[in-house]
PDB file of N, CA and C in Angstrom:
ATOM      1  N   MET A   1     146.760 104.982 171.650  1.00  0.00           N
ATOM      2  CA  MET A   1     146.336 103.605 171.820  1.00  0.00           C
ATOM      3  C   MET A   1     144.860 103.442 171.511  1.00  0.00           C
ATOM      4  N   ALA A   2     144.050 104.436 171.864  1.00  0.00           N
ATOM      5  CA  ALA A   2     142.614 104.349 171.618  1.00  0.00           C
ATOM      6  C   ALA A   2     142.326 104.290 170.123  1.00  0.00           C
ATOM      7  N   ASP A   3     143.137 104.998 169.306  1.00  0.00           N
ATOM      8  CA  ASP A   3     142.920 104.979 167.867  1.00  0.00           C
ATOM      9  C   ASP A   3     143.110 103.587 167.289  1.00  0.00           C
ATOM     10  N   SER A   4     144.136 102.850 167.722  1.00  0.00           N
ATOM     11  CA  SER A   4     144.351 101.504 167.193  1.00  0.00           C
ATOM     12  C   SER A   4     143.260 100.553 167.672  1.00  0.00           C
ATOM     13  N   THR A   5     142.772 100.738 168.886  1.00  0.00           N
ATOM     14  CA  THR A   5     141.677  99.910 169.388  1.00  0.00           C
ATOM     15  C   THR A   5     140.415 100.177 168.583  1.00  0.00           C
ATOM     16  N   ASN A   6     140.132 101.445 168.289  1.00  0.00           N
ATOM     17  CA  ASN A   6     138.976 101.795 167.469  1.00  0.00           C
ATOM     18  C   ASN A   6     139.096 101.212 166.072  1.00  0.00           C
ATOM     19  N   ALA A   7     140.291 101.237 165.506  1.00  0.00           N
ATOM     20  CA  ALA A   7     140.495 100.701 164.155  1.00  0.00           C
ATOM     21  C   ALA A   7     140.201  99.205 164.124  1.00  0.00           C
ATOM     22  N   VAL A   8     140.605  98.496 165.161  1.00  0.00           N
ATOM     23  CA  VAL A   8     140.328  97.056 165.227  1.00  0.00           C
ATOM     24  C   VAL A   8     138.833  96.821 165.366  1.00  0.00           C
ATOM     25  N   ALA A   9     138.169  97.611 166.205  1.00  0.00           N
ATOM     26  CA  ALA A   9     136.722  97.449 166.396  1.00  0.00           C
ATOM     27  C   ALA A   9     135.971  97.750 165.107  1.00  0.00           C
ATOM     28  N   VAL A  10     136.369  98.799 164.394  1.00  0.00           N
ATOM     29  CA  VAL A  10     135.715  99.143 163.133  1.00  0.00           C
ATOM     30  C   VAL A  10     135.950  98.057 162.106  1.00  0.00           C
ATOM     31  N   ALA A  11     137.175  97.537 162.007  1.00  0.00           N
ATOM     32  CA  ALA A  11     137.473  96.473 161.053  1.00  0.00           C
ATOM     33  C   ALA A  11     136.634  95.237 161.365  1.00  0.00           C
ATOM     34  N   HIS A  12     136.494  94.899 162.647  1.00  0.00           N
ATOM     35  CA  HIS A  12     135.698  93.733 163.010  1.00  0.00           C
ATOM     36  C   HIS A  12     134.230  93.950 162.677  1.00  0.00           C
ATOM     37  N   SER A  13     133.724  95.170 162.885  1.00  0.00           N
ATOM     38  CA  SER A  13     132.307  95.417 162.628  1.00  0.00           C
ATOM     39  C   SER A  13     131.979  95.320 161.155  1.00  0.00           C
ATOM     40  N   ARG A  14     132.980  95.431 160.323  1.00  0.00           N
ATOM     41  CA  ARG A  14     132.753  95.320 158.889  1.00  0.00           C
ATOM     42  C   ARG A  14     132.662  93.872 158.436  1.00  0.00           C
ATOM     43  N   GLY A  15     133.072  92.951 159.258  1.00  0.00           N
ATOM     44  CA  GLY A  15     133.021  91.545 158.880  1.00  0.00           C
ATOM     45  C   GLY A  15     134.276  91.128 158.148  1.00  0.00           C
ATOM     46  N   PRO A  16     134.261  89.902 157.639  1.00  0.00           N
ATOM     47  CA  PRO A  16     135.447  89.371 156.960  1.00  0.00           C
ATOM     48  C   PRO A  16     135.808  90.174 155.708  1.00  0.00           C
ATOM     49  N   ARG A  17     137.089  90.245 155.445  1.00  0.00           N
ATOM     50  CA  ARG A  17     137.572  90.921 154.231  1.00  0.00           C
ATOM     51  C   ARG A  17     137.379  90.004 153.033  1.00  0.00           C
ATOM     52  N   THR A  18     137.478  90.588 151.867  1.00  0.00           N
ATOM     53  CA  THR A  18     137.317  89.845 150.622  1.00  0.00           C
ATOM     54  C   THR A  18     138.225  88.621 150.592  1.00  0.00           C
ATOM     55  N   GLU A  19     139.484  88.782 150.977  1.00  0.00           N
ATOM     56  CA  GLU A  19     140.444  87.682 150.920  1.00  0.00           C
ATOM     57  C   GLU A  19     140.041  86.537 151.850  1.00  0.00           C
ATOM     58  N   GLU A  20     139.498  86.880 153.024  1.00  0.00           N
ATOM     59  CA  GLU A  20     139.064  85.838 153.963  1.00  0.00           C
ATOM     60  C   GLU A  20     137.881  85.058 153.394  1.00  0.00           C
ATOM     61  N   ILE A  21     136.948  85.772 152.788  1.00  0.00           N
ATOM     62  CA  ILE A  21     135.782  85.114 152.201  1.00  0.00           C
ATOM     63  C   ILE A  21     136.219  84.262 151.010  1.00  0.00           C
ATOM     64  N   GLU A  22     137.128  84.787 150.196  1.00  0.00           N
ATOM     65  CA  GLU A  22     137.642  84.001 149.065  1.00  0.00           C
ATOM     66  C   GLU A  22     138.277  82.709 149.557  1.00  0.00           C
ATOM     67  N   GLY A  23     139.088  82.791 150.596  1.00  0.00           N
ATOM     68  CA  GLY A  23     139.743  81.613 151.145  1.00  0.00           C
ATOM     69  C   GLY A  23     138.743  80.591 151.649  1.00  0.00           C
ATOM     70  N   TRP A  24     137.711  81.069 152.324  1.00  0.00           N
ATOM     71  CA  TRP A  24     136.674  80.180 152.831  1.00  0.00           C
ATOM     72  C   TRP A  24     135.963  79.494 151.661  1.00  0.00           C
ATOM     73  N   LEU A  25     135.600  80.275 150.630  1.00  0.00           N
ATOM     74  CA  LEU A  25     134.914  79.719 149.463  1.00  0.00           C
ATOM     75  C   LEU A  25     135.787  78.695 148.732  1.00  0.00           C
ATOM     76  N   VAL A  26     137.054  79.006 148.552  1.00  0.00           N
ATOM     77  CA  VAL A  26     137.958  78.067 147.874  1.00  0.00           C
ATOM     78  C   VAL A  26     138.027  76.752 148.639  1.00  0.00           C
ATOM     79  N   ALA A  27     138.145  76.840 149.953  1.00  0.00           N
ATOM     80  CA  ALA A  27     138.224  75.626 150.773  1.00  0.00           C
ATOM     81  C   ALA A  27     136.947  74.796 150.656  1.00  0.00           C
ATOM     82  N   ARG A  28     135.786  75.448 150.730  1.00  0.00           N
ATOM     83  CA  ARG A  28     134.515  74.710 150.639  1.00  0.00           C
ATOM     84  C   ARG A  28     134.314  74.114 149.246  1.00  0.00           C
ATOM     85  N   ILE A  29     134.659  74.876 148.212  1.00  0.00           N
ATOM     86  CA  ILE A  29     134.498  74.376 146.848  1.00  0.00           C
ATOM     87  C   ILE A  29     135.447  73.213 146.605  1.00  0.00           C
ATOM     88  N   SER A  30     136.626  73.295 147.161  1.00  0.00           N
ATOM     89  CA  SER A  30     137.572  72.190 147.063  1.00  0.00           C
ATOM     90  C   SER A  30     136.973  70.925 147.673  1.00  0.00           C
ATOM     91  N   GLU A  31     136.335  71.057 148.831  1.00  0.00           N
ATOM     92  CA  GLU A  31     135.696  69.910 149.483  1.00  0.00           C
ATOM     93  C   GLU A  31     134.558  69.358 148.626  1.00  0.00           C
ATOM     94  N   LEU A  32     133.734  70.257 148.072  1.00  0.00           N
ATOM     95  CA  LEU A  32     132.570  69.835 147.295  1.00  0.00           C
ATOM     96  C   LEU A  32     132.948  69.170 145.977  1.00  0.00           C
ATOM     97  N   THR A  33     133.986  69.694 145.336  1.00  0.00           N
ATOM     98  CA  THR A  33     134.348  69.207 143.997  1.00  0.00           C
ATOM     99  C   THR A  33     135.500  68.217 144.015  1.00  0.00           C
ATOM    100  N   ARG A  34     136.175  68.095 145.162  1.00  0.00           N
ATOM    101  CA  ARG A  34     137.352  67.226 145.293  1.00  0.00           C
ATOM    102  C   ARG A  34     138.488  67.663 144.363  1.00  0.00           C
ATOM    103  N   VAL A  35     138.577  68.983 144.184  1.00  0.00           N
ATOM    104  CA  VAL A  35     139.647  69.589 143.400  1.00  0.00           C
ATOM    105  C   VAL A  35     140.572  70.285 144.389  1.00  0.00           C
ATOM    106  N   ASP A  36     141.885  70.146 144.204  1.00  0.00           N
ATOM    107  CA  ASP A  36     142.830  70.798 145.106  1.00  0.00           C
ATOM    108  C   ASP A  36     142.620  72.307 145.103  1.00  0.00           C
ATOM    109  N   GLU A  37     142.754  72.907 146.283  1.00  0.00           N
ATOM    110  CA  GLU A  37     142.538  74.349 146.426  1.00  0.00           C
ATOM    111  C   GLU A  37     143.393  75.164 145.460  1.00  0.00           C
ATOM    112  N   TYR A  38     144.644  74.768 145.268  1.00  0.00           N
ATOM    113  CA  TYR A  38     145.534  75.549 144.409  1.00  0.00           C
ATOM    114  C   TYR A  38     145.098  75.534 142.945  1.00  0.00           C
ATOM    115  N   GLU A  39     144.219  74.612 142.566  1.00  0.00           N
ATOM    116  CA  GLU A  39     143.724  74.537 141.191  1.00  0.00           C
ATOM    117  C   GLU A  39     142.479  75.391 140.963  1.00  0.00           C
ATOM    118  N   ILE A  40     141.921  75.936 142.024  1.00  0.00           N
ATOM    119  CA  ILE A  40     140.681  76.704 141.919  1.00  0.00           C
ATOM    120  C   ILE A  40     141.011  78.173 141.702  1.00  0.00           C
ATOM    121  N   GLU A  41     140.579  78.682 140.556  1.00  0.00           N
ATOM    122  CA  GLU A  41     140.777  80.095 140.213  1.00  0.00           C
ATOM    123  C   GLU A  41     139.581  80.900 140.703  1.00  0.00           C
ATOM    124  N   THR A  42     139.830  82.008 141.380  1.00  0.00           N
ATOM    125  CA  THR A  42     138.737  82.798 141.941  1.00  0.00           C
ATOM    126  C   THR A  42     137.929  83.537 140.874  1.00  0.00           C
ATOM    127  N   SER A  43     138.437  83.593 139.653  1.00  0.00           N
ATOM    128  CA  SER A  43     137.717  84.279 138.575  1.00  0.00           C
ATOM    129  C   SER A  43     136.928  83.314 137.682  1.00  0.00           C
ATOM    130  N   THR A  44     136.972  82.023 137.973  1.00  0.00           N
ATOM    131  CA  THR A  44     136.247  81.022 137.181  1.00  0.00           C
ATOM    132  C   THR A  44     134.816  80.917 137.703  1.00  0.00           C
ATOM    133  N   PRO A  45     133.821  80.929 136.821  1.00  0.00           N
ATOM    134  CA  PRO A  45     132.428  80.789 137.274  1.00  0.00           C
ATOM    135  C   PRO A  45     132.224  79.492 138.058  1.00  0.00           C
ATOM    136  N   PHE A  46     131.341  79.564 139.051  1.00  0.00           N
ATOM    137  CA  PHE A  46     131.083  78.416 139.921  1.00  0.00           C
ATOM    138  C   PHE A  46     130.771  77.153 139.126  1.00  0.00           C
ATOM    139  N   PHE A  47     129.965  77.287 138.093  1.00  0.00           N
ATOM    140  CA  PHE A  47     129.522  76.100 137.369  1.00  0.00           C
ATOM    141  C   PHE A  47     130.634  75.506 136.524  1.00  0.00           C
ATOM    142  N   GLU A  48     131.602  76.335 136.134  1.00  0.00           N
ATOM    143  CA  GLU A  48     132.782  75.806 135.436  1.00  0.00           C
ATOM    144  C   GLU A  48     133.734  75.116 136.413  1.00  0.00           C
ATOM    145  N   LEU A  49     133.565  75.412 137.706  1.00  0.00           N
ATOM    146  CA  LEU A  49     134.372  74.747 138.730  1.00  0.00           C
ATOM    147  C   LEU A  49     133.811  73.361 139.057  1.00  0.00           C
ATOM    148  N   GLY A  50     132.674  73.035 138.465  1.00  0.00           N
ATOM    149  CA  GLY A  50     132.092  71.718 138.676  1.00  0.00           C
ATOM    150  C   GLY A  50     130.986  71.670 139.704  1.00  0.00           C
ATOM    151  N   LEU A  51     130.503  72.840 140.140  1.00  0.00           N
ATOM    152  CA  LEU A  51     129.414  72.843 141.105  1.00  0.00           C
ATOM    153  C   LEU A  51     128.075  72.692 140.399  1.00  0.00           C
ATOM    154  N   GLU A  52     127.233  71.839 140.930  1.00  0.00           N
ATOM    155  CA  GLU A  52     125.878  71.682 140.442  1.00  0.00           C
ATOM    156  C   GLU A  52     124.990  72.634 141.232  1.00  0.00           C
ATOM    157  N   SER A  53     123.770  72.833 140.766  1.00  0.00           N
ATOM    158  CA  SER A  53     122.871  73.784 141.422  1.00  0.00           C
ATOM    159  C   SER A  53     122.645  73.439 142.888  1.00  0.00           C
ATOM    160  N   SER A  54     122.499  72.169 143.207  1.00  0.00           N
ATOM    161  CA  SER A  54     122.292  71.785 144.606  1.00  0.00           C
ATOM    162  C   SER A  54     123.524  72.109 145.448  1.00  0.00           C
ATOM    163  N   SER A  55     124.705  71.984 144.859  1.00  0.00           N
ATOM    164  CA  SER A  55     125.942  72.324 145.580  1.00  0.00           C
ATOM    165  C   SER A  55     126.037  73.816 145.837  1.00  0.00           C
ATOM    166  N   VAL A  56     125.559  74.611 144.880  1.00  0.00           N
ATOM    167  CA  VAL A  56     125.592  76.062 145.046  1.00  0.00           C
ATOM    168  C   VAL A  56     124.647  76.484 146.166  1.00  0.00           C
ATOM    169  N   VAL A  57     123.473  75.875 146.228  1.00  0.00           N
ATOM    170  CA  VAL A  57     122.525  76.172 147.301  1.00  0.00           C
ATOM    171  C   VAL A  57     123.123  75.750 148.647  1.00  0.00           C
ATOM    172  N   GLU A  58     123.762  74.590 148.686  1.00  0.00           N
ATOM    173  CA  GLU A  58     124.435  74.108 149.902  1.00  0.00           C
ATOM    174  C   GLU A  58     125.557  75.069 150.312  1.00  0.00           C
ATOM    175  N   LEU A  59     126.306  75.544 149.331  1.00  0.00           N
ATOM    176  CA  LEU A  59     127.388  76.486 149.592  1.00  0.00           C
ATOM    177  C   LEU A  59     126.845  77.788 150.177  1.00  0.00           C
ATOM    178  N   ALA A  60     125.751  78.298 149.613  1.00  0.00           N
ATOM    179  CA  ALA A  60     125.137  79.536 150.111  1.00  0.00           C
ATOM    180  C   ALA A  60     124.668  79.356 151.550  1.00  0.00           C
ATOM    181  N   SER A  61     124.110  78.198 151.851  1.00  0.00           N
ATOM    182  CA  SER A  61     123.642  77.919 153.205  1.00  0.00           C
ATOM    183  C   SER A  61     124.807  77.864 154.194  1.00  0.00           C
ATOM    184  N   ALA A  62     125.885  77.188 153.817  1.00  0.00           N
ATOM    185  CA  ALA A  62     127.065  77.103 154.678  1.00  0.00           C
ATOM    186  C   ALA A  62     127.707  78.479 154.858  1.00  0.00           C
ATOM    187  N   LEU A  63     127.720  79.256 153.801  1.00  0.00           N
ATOM    188  CA  LEU A  63     128.271  80.605 153.864  1.00  0.00           C
ATOM    189  C   LEU A  63     127.448  81.471 154.812  1.00  0.00           C
ATOM    190  N   ALA A  64     126.136  81.353 154.755  1.00  0.00           N
ATOM    191  CA  ALA A  64     125.259  82.097 155.660  1.00  0.00           C
ATOM    192  C   ALA A  64     125.537  81.718 157.112  1.00  0.00           C
ATOM    193  N   ALA A  65     125.744  80.428 157.356  1.00  0.00           N
ATOM    194  CA  ALA A  65     126.050  79.974 158.718  1.00  0.00           C
ATOM    195  C   ALA A  65     127.399  80.527 159.178  1.00  0.00           C
ATOM    196  N   TRP A  66     128.400  80.505 158.291  1.00  0.00           N
ATOM    197  CA  TRP A  66     129.729  81.005 158.648  1.00  0.00           C
ATOM    198  C   TRP A  66     129.690  82.505 158.932  1.00  0.00           C
ATOM    199  N   LEU A  67     128.993  83.253 158.096  1.00  0.00           N
ATOM    200  CA  LEU A  67     128.919  84.704 158.270  1.00  0.00           C
ATOM    201  C   LEU A  67     127.885  85.118 159.315  1.00  0.00           C
ATOM    202  N   GLU A  68     127.058  84.159 159.733  1.00  0.00           N
ATOM    203  CA  GLU A  68     126.000  84.410 160.703  1.00  0.00           C
ATOM    204  C   GLU A  68     125.067  85.513 160.230  1.00  0.00           C
ATOM    205  N   ARG A  69     124.692  85.436 158.956  1.00  0.00           N
ATOM    206  CA  ARG A  69     123.714  86.367 158.393  1.00  0.00           C
ATOM    207  C   ARG A  69     123.068  85.701 157.182  1.00  0.00           C
ATOM    208  N   PRO A  70     121.899  86.135 156.817  1.00  0.00           N
ATOM    209  CA  PRO A  70     121.213  85.480 155.698  1.00  0.00           C
ATOM    210  C   PRO A  70     121.926  85.709 154.367  1.00  0.00           C
ATOM    211  N   ILE A  71     121.955  84.674 153.563  1.00  0.00           N
ATOM    212  CA  ILE A  71     122.506  84.740 152.204  1.00  0.00           C
ATOM    213  C   ILE A  71     121.451  84.120 151.296  1.00  0.00           C
ATOM    214  N   GLU A  72     121.037  84.835 150.298  1.00  0.00           N
ATOM    215  CA  GLU A  72     120.055  84.300 149.362  1.00  0.00           C
ATOM    216  C   GLU A  72     120.662  83.123 148.602  1.00  0.00           C
ATOM    217  N   PRO A  73     119.904  82.061 148.395  1.00  0.00           N
ATOM    218  CA  PRO A  73     120.439  80.916 147.659  1.00  0.00           C
ATOM    219  C   PRO A  73     120.766  81.253 146.208  1.00  0.00           C
ATOM    220  N   THR A  74     120.206  82.347 145.704  1.00  0.00           N
ATOM    221  CA  THR A  74     120.444  82.748 144.308  1.00  0.00           C
ATOM    222  C   THR A  74     121.643  83.676 144.159  1.00  0.00           C
ATOM    223  N   VAL A  75     122.369  83.922 145.238  1.00  0.00           N
ATOM    224  CA  VAL A  75     123.471  84.883 145.206  1.00  0.00           C
ATOM    225  C   VAL A  75     124.525  84.524 144.156  1.00  0.00           C
ATOM    226  N   ALA A  76     124.745  83.231 143.941  1.00  0.00           N
ATOM    227  CA  ALA A  76     125.757  82.814 142.956  1.00  0.00           C
ATOM    228  C   ALA A  76     125.323  83.128 141.530  1.00  0.00           C
ATOM    229  N   TRP A  77     124.042  83.308 141.323  1.00  0.00           N
ATOM    230  CA  TRP A  77     123.553  83.676 139.993  1.00  0.00           C
ATOM    231  C   TRP A  77     123.951  85.127 139.686  1.00  0.00           C
ATOM    232  N   ASN A  78     123.848  85.988 140.700  1.00  0.00           N
ATOM    233  CA  ASN A  78     124.180  87.406 140.533  1.00  0.00           C
ATOM    234  C   ASN A  78     125.677  87.682 140.644  1.00  0.00           C
ATOM    235  N   PHE A  79     126.376  86.848 141.375  1.00  0.00           N
ATOM    236  CA  PHE A  79     127.814  86.995 141.591  1.00  0.00           C
ATOM    237  C   PHE A  79     128.446  85.635 141.305  1.00  0.00           C
ATOM    238  N   PRO A  80     128.681  85.308 140.023  1.00  0.00           N
ATOM    239  CA  PRO A  80     128.970  83.935 139.602  1.00  0.00           C
ATOM    240  C   PRO A  80     130.397  83.432 139.778  1.00  0.00           C
ATOM    241  N   THR A  81     131.259  84.220 140.402  1.00  0.00           N
ATOM    242  CA  THR A  81     132.622  83.750 140.655  1.00  0.00           C
ATOM    243  C   THR A  81     132.951  83.950 142.134  1.00  0.00           C
ATOM    244  N   ILE A  82     133.970  83.252 142.595  1.00  0.00           N
ATOM    245  CA  ILE A  82     134.418  83.414 143.977  1.00  0.00           C
ATOM    246  C   ILE A  82     134.782  84.873 144.231  1.00  0.00           C
ATOM    247  N   ARG A  83     135.530  85.467 143.319  1.00  0.00           N
ATOM    248  CA  ARG A  83     135.988  86.846 143.484  1.00  0.00           C
ATOM    249  C   ARG A  83     134.803  87.811 143.577  1.00  0.00           C
ATOM    250  N   ALA A  84     133.825  87.652 142.673  1.00  0.00           N
ATOM    251  CA  ALA A  84     132.671  88.554 142.660  1.00  0.00           C
ATOM    252  C   ALA A  84     131.829  88.391 143.927  1.00  0.00           C
ATOM    253  N   LEU A  85     131.592  87.148 144.315  1.00  0.00           N
ATOM    254  CA  LEU A  85     130.777  86.893 145.500  1.00  0.00           C
ATOM    255  C   LEU A  85     131.473  87.384 146.764  1.00  0.00           C
ATOM    256  N   ALA A  86     132.746  87.092 146.895  1.00  0.00           N
ATOM    257  CA  ALA A  86     133.494  87.535 148.082  1.00  0.00           C
ATOM    258  C   ALA A  86     133.527  89.056 148.159  1.00  0.00           C
ATOM    259  N   GLY A  87     133.748  89.708 147.037  1.00  0.00           N
ATOM    260  CA  GLY A  87     133.749  91.172 147.017  1.00  0.00           C
ATOM    261  C   GLY A  87     132.409  91.743 147.429  1.00  0.00           C
ATOM    262  N   HIS A  88     131.348  91.166 146.913  1.00  0.00           N
ATOM    263  CA  HIS A  88     129.994  91.618 147.253  1.00  0.00           C
ATOM    264  C   HIS A  88     129.725  91.453 148.748  1.00  0.00           C
ATOM    265  N   LEU A  89     130.038  90.290 149.279  1.00  0.00           N
ATOM    266  CA  LEU A  89     129.756  90.025 150.689  1.00  0.00           C
ATOM    267  C   LEU A  89     130.617  90.885 151.608  1.00  0.00           C
ATOM    268  N   ALA A  90     131.869  91.101 151.244  1.00  0.00           N
ATOM    269  CA  ALA A  90     132.742  91.955 152.060  1.00  0.00           C
ATOM    270  C   ALA A  90     132.248  93.399 152.013  1.00  0.00           C
ATOM    271  N   GLU A  91     131.769  93.813 150.849  1.00  0.00           N
ATOM    272  CA  GLU A  91     131.256  95.172 150.700  1.00  0.00           C
ATOM    273  C   GLU A  91     130.002  95.378 151.545  1.00  0.00           C
ATOM    274  N   GLN A  92     129.172  94.331 151.659  1.00  0.00           N
ATOM    275  CA  GLN A  92     127.971  94.414 152.491  1.00  0.00           C
ATOM    276  C   GLN A  92     128.335  94.623 153.943  1.00  0.00           C
ATOM    277  N   GLY A  93     129.481  94.058 154.330  1.00  0.00           N
ATOM    278  CA  GLY A  93     129.987  94.230 155.678  1.00  0.00           C
ATOM    279  C   GLY A  93     129.092  93.631 156.735  1.00  0.00           C
ATOM    280  N   GLY A  94     129.279  94.135 157.944  1.00  0.00           N
ATOM    281  CA  GLY A  94     128.508  93.639 159.067  1.00  0.00           C
ATOM    282  C   GLY A  94     129.246  92.524 159.770  1.00  0.00           C
ATOM    283  N   ALA A  95     129.317  92.647 161.052  1.00  0.00           N
ATOM    284  CA  ALA A  95     129.960  91.608 161.843  1.00  0.00           C
ATOM    285  C   ALA A  95     129.075  90.383 161.875  1.00  0.00           C
ATOM    286  N   PRO A  96     129.652  89.222 162.078  1.00  0.00           N
ATOM    287  CA  PRO A  96     128.837  88.022 162.212  1.00  0.00           C
ATOM    288  C   PRO A  96     127.761  88.244 163.267  1.00  0.00           C
ATOM    289  N   GLY A  97     126.579  87.723 162.972  1.00  0.00           N
ATOM    290  CA  GLY A  97     125.479  87.826 163.915  1.00  0.00           C
ATOM    291  C   GLY A  97     124.649  89.075 163.771  1.00  0.00           C
ATOM    292  N   GLN A  98     124.968  89.960 162.825  1.00  0.00           N
ATOM    293  CA  GLN A  98     124.211  91.191 162.678  1.00  0.00           C
ATOM    294  C   GLN A  98     123.007  91.042 161.752  1.00  0.00           C
ATOM    295  N   GLY A  99     122.815  89.862 161.205  1.00  0.00           N
ATOM    296  CA  GLY A  99     121.647  89.636 160.366  1.00  0.00           C
ATOM    297  C   GLY A  99     120.407  89.512 161.226  1.00  0.00           C
ATOM    298  N   PRO A 100     119.230  89.407 160.607  1.00  0.00           N
ATOM    299  CA  PRO A 100     118.007  89.266 161.376  1.00  0.00           C
ATOM    300  C   PRO A 100     118.040  87.994 162.229  1.00  0.00           C
ATOM    301  N   THR A 101     117.510  88.083 163.415  1.00  0.00           N
ATOM    302  CA  THR A 101     117.520  86.926 164.292  1.00  0.00           C
ATOM    303  C   THR A 101     116.281  86.065 164.112  1.00  0.00           C
ATOM    304  N   ALA A 102     115.187  86.655 163.697  1.00  0.00           N
ATOM    305  CA  ALA A 102     113.964  85.881 163.475  1.00  0.00           C
ATOM    306  C   ALA A 102     113.687  85.819 161.987  1.00  0.00           C
ATOM    307  N   ARG A 103     113.254  84.665 161.543  1.00  0.00           N
ATOM    308  CA  ARG A 103     112.949  84.501 160.123  1.00  0.00           C
ATOM    309  C   ARG A 103     111.487  84.807 159.877  1.00  0.00           C
ATOM    310  N   ASP A 104     111.233  85.593 158.874  1.00  0.00           N
ATOM    311  CA  ASP A 104     109.877  85.880 158.434  1.00  0.00           C
ATOM    312  C   ASP A 104     109.440  84.710 157.560  1.00  0.00           C
ATOM    313  N   PRO A 105     108.347  84.047 157.905  1.00  0.00           N
ATOM    314  CA  PRO A 105     107.940  82.872 157.134  1.00  0.00           C
ATOM    315  C   PRO A 105     107.721  83.169 155.656  1.00  0.00           C
ATOM    316  N   SER A 106     107.228  84.366 155.334  1.00  0.00           N
ATOM    317  CA  SER A 106     107.002  84.672 153.918  1.00  0.00           C
ATOM    318  C   SER A 106     108.320  84.831 153.182  1.00  0.00           C
ATOM    319  N   SER A 107     109.337  85.422 153.821  1.00  0.00           N
ATOM    320  CA  SER A 107     110.624  85.556 153.143  1.00  0.00           C
ATOM    321  C   SER A 107     111.312  84.197 153.038  1.00  0.00           C
ATOM    322  N   GLU A 108     111.079  83.307 154.015  1.00  0.00           N
ATOM    323  CA  GLU A 108     111.634  81.958 153.929  1.00  0.00           C
ATOM    324  C   GLU A 108     111.026  81.229 152.740  1.00  0.00           C
ATOM    325  N   ALA A 109     109.726  81.393 152.543  1.00  0.00           N
ATOM    326  CA  ALA A 109     109.064  80.772 151.389  1.00  0.00           C
ATOM    327  C   ALA A 109     109.625  81.342 150.093  1.00  0.00           C
ATOM    328  N   GLU A 110     109.890  82.655 150.079  1.00  0.00           N
ATOM    329  CA  GLU A 110     110.482  83.270 148.893  1.00  0.00           C
ATOM    330  C   GLU A 110     111.871  82.699 148.629  1.00  0.00           C
ATOM    331  N   ARG A 111     112.662  82.480 149.670  1.00  0.00           N
ATOM    332  CA  ARG A 111     113.999  81.904 149.508  1.00  0.00           C
ATOM    333  C   ARG A 111     113.914  80.508 148.905  1.00  0.00           C
ATOM    334  N   LEU A 112     112.991  79.709 149.442  1.00  0.00           N
ATOM    335  CA  LEU A 112     112.850  78.346 148.943  1.00  0.00           C
ATOM    336  C   LEU A 112     112.380  78.342 147.498  1.00  0.00           C
ATOM    337  N   THR A 113     111.464  79.251 147.164  1.00  0.00           N
ATOM    338  CA  THR A 113     110.998  79.362 145.783  1.00  0.00           C
ATOM    339  C   THR A 113     112.139  79.802 144.884  1.00  0.00           C
ATOM    340  N   SER A 114     112.929  80.772 145.343  1.00  0.00           N
ATOM    341  CA  SER A 114     114.076  81.239 144.569  1.00  0.00           C
ATOM    342  C   SER A 114     115.080  80.117 144.338  1.00  0.00           C
ATOM    343  N   ALA A 115     115.322  79.316 145.366  1.00  0.00           N
ATOM    344  CA  ALA A 115     116.262  78.200 145.233  1.00  0.00           C
ATOM    345  C   ALA A 115     115.751  77.197 144.209  1.00  0.00           C
ATOM    346  N   ALA A 116     114.446  76.902 144.246  1.00  0.00           N
ATOM    347  CA  ALA A 116     113.868  75.958 143.285  1.00  0.00           C
ATOM    348  C   ALA A 116     113.962  76.515 141.864  1.00  0.00           C
ATOM    349  N   LEU A 117     113.702  77.813 141.714  1.00  0.00           N
ATOM    350  CA  LEU A 117     113.812  78.434 140.392  1.00  0.00           C
ATOM    351  C   LEU A 117     115.244  78.382 139.884  1.00  0.00           C
ATOM    352  N   LEU A 118     116.191  78.653 140.762  1.00  0.00           N
ATOM    353  CA  LEU A 118     117.600  78.607 140.376  1.00  0.00           C
ATOM    354  C   LEU A 118     117.984  77.195 139.938  1.00  0.00           C
ATOM    355  N   GLN A 119     117.537  76.206 140.681  1.00  0.00           N
ATOM    356  CA  GLN A 119     117.846  74.821 140.312  1.00  0.00           C
ATOM    357  C   GLN A 119     117.272  74.491 138.939  1.00  0.00           C
ATOM    358  N   ASP A 120     116.048  74.937 138.672  1.00  0.00           N
ATOM    359  CA  ASP A 120     115.442  74.692 137.357  1.00  0.00           C
ATOM    360  C   ASP A 120     116.219  75.392 136.248  1.00  0.00           C
ATOM    361  N   LEU A 121     116.606  76.641 136.495  1.00  0.00           N
ATOM    362  CA  LEU A 121     117.382  77.383 135.498  1.00  0.00           C
ATOM    363  C   LEU A 121     118.712  76.693 135.206  1.00  0.00           C
ATOM    364  N   LEU A 122     119.394  76.297 136.258  1.00  0.00           N
ATOM    365  CA  LEU A 122     120.689  75.657 136.091  1.00  0.00           C
ATOM    366  C   LEU A 122     120.563  74.292 135.429  1.00  0.00           C
ATOM    367  N   ARG A 123     119.526  73.560 135.772  1.00  0.00           N
ATOM    368  CA  ARG A 123     119.290  72.274 135.144  1.00  0.00           C
ATOM    369  C   ARG A 123     119.115  72.466 133.637  1.00  0.00           C
ATOM    370  N   GLY A 124     118.388  73.532 133.261  1.00  0.00           N
ATOM    371  CA  GLY A 124     118.199  73.846 131.852  1.00  0.00           C
ATOM    372  C   GLY A 124     119.505  74.173 131.147  1.00  0.00           C
ATOM    373  N   LEU A 125     120.400  74.868 131.848  1.00  0.00           N
ATOM    374  CA  LEU A 125     121.712  75.195 131.270  1.00  0.00           C
ATOM    375  C   LEU A 125     122.542  73.942 131.034  1.00  0.00           C
ATOM    376  N   TYR A 126     122.493  73.012 131.983  1.00  0.00           N
ATOM    377  CA  TYR A 126     123.257  71.773 131.851  1.00  0.00           C
ATOM    378  C   TYR A 126     122.720  70.880 130.758  1.00  0.00           C
ATOM    379  N   GLU A 127     121.401  70.924 130.554  1.00  0.00           N
ATOM    380  CA  GLU A 127     120.787  70.051 129.554  1.00  0.00           C
ATOM    381  C   GLU A 127     120.919  70.586 128.147  1.00  0.00           C
ATOM    382  N   SER A 128     121.166  71.898 128.015  1.00  0.00           N
ATOM    383  CA  SER A 128     121.258  72.466 126.659  1.00  0.00           C
ATOM    384  C   SER A 128     122.639  72.419 126.096  1.00  0.00           C
TER     385      SER A 128
END
C-alpha cells in the first residue's frame, strides 16, 4: 500500500501531465478565439490558431496562475504549438506553488521587456 501512496505523491509532485496541460490550453484558446475545442489541433502554431501577441501574453499569464509558477511571456515563441508547450511545461514538472514566492523586481522588468519585444516581433510578422 505504501508503494501506491508514494507513486501518487511522486506523480503529484511532478505537476500536471502533458495531456492535462494540452486540455487546459485548448480550452483557453477556444475561449480566446471563439473556435470550438474540437477544431483546435495541438500541432498547429498558436498564431495560425488566430492568437494575437497580446492574447499569447494573456495566455502565458493565465497559465502561470493555473500552474502556480512563473511562465515567461515569450514561452510561446520557443514552444509555438500547444503540444510543444505542454510537453515542455510537463517536463519541467513541479507541483503547483513550487515556483518562487517573491518576485525579483529586476526579473519582473525583464519579463515586461521580453513581452514588449515579443509583441513587436509578432506585430512585424503580421504586417509583413
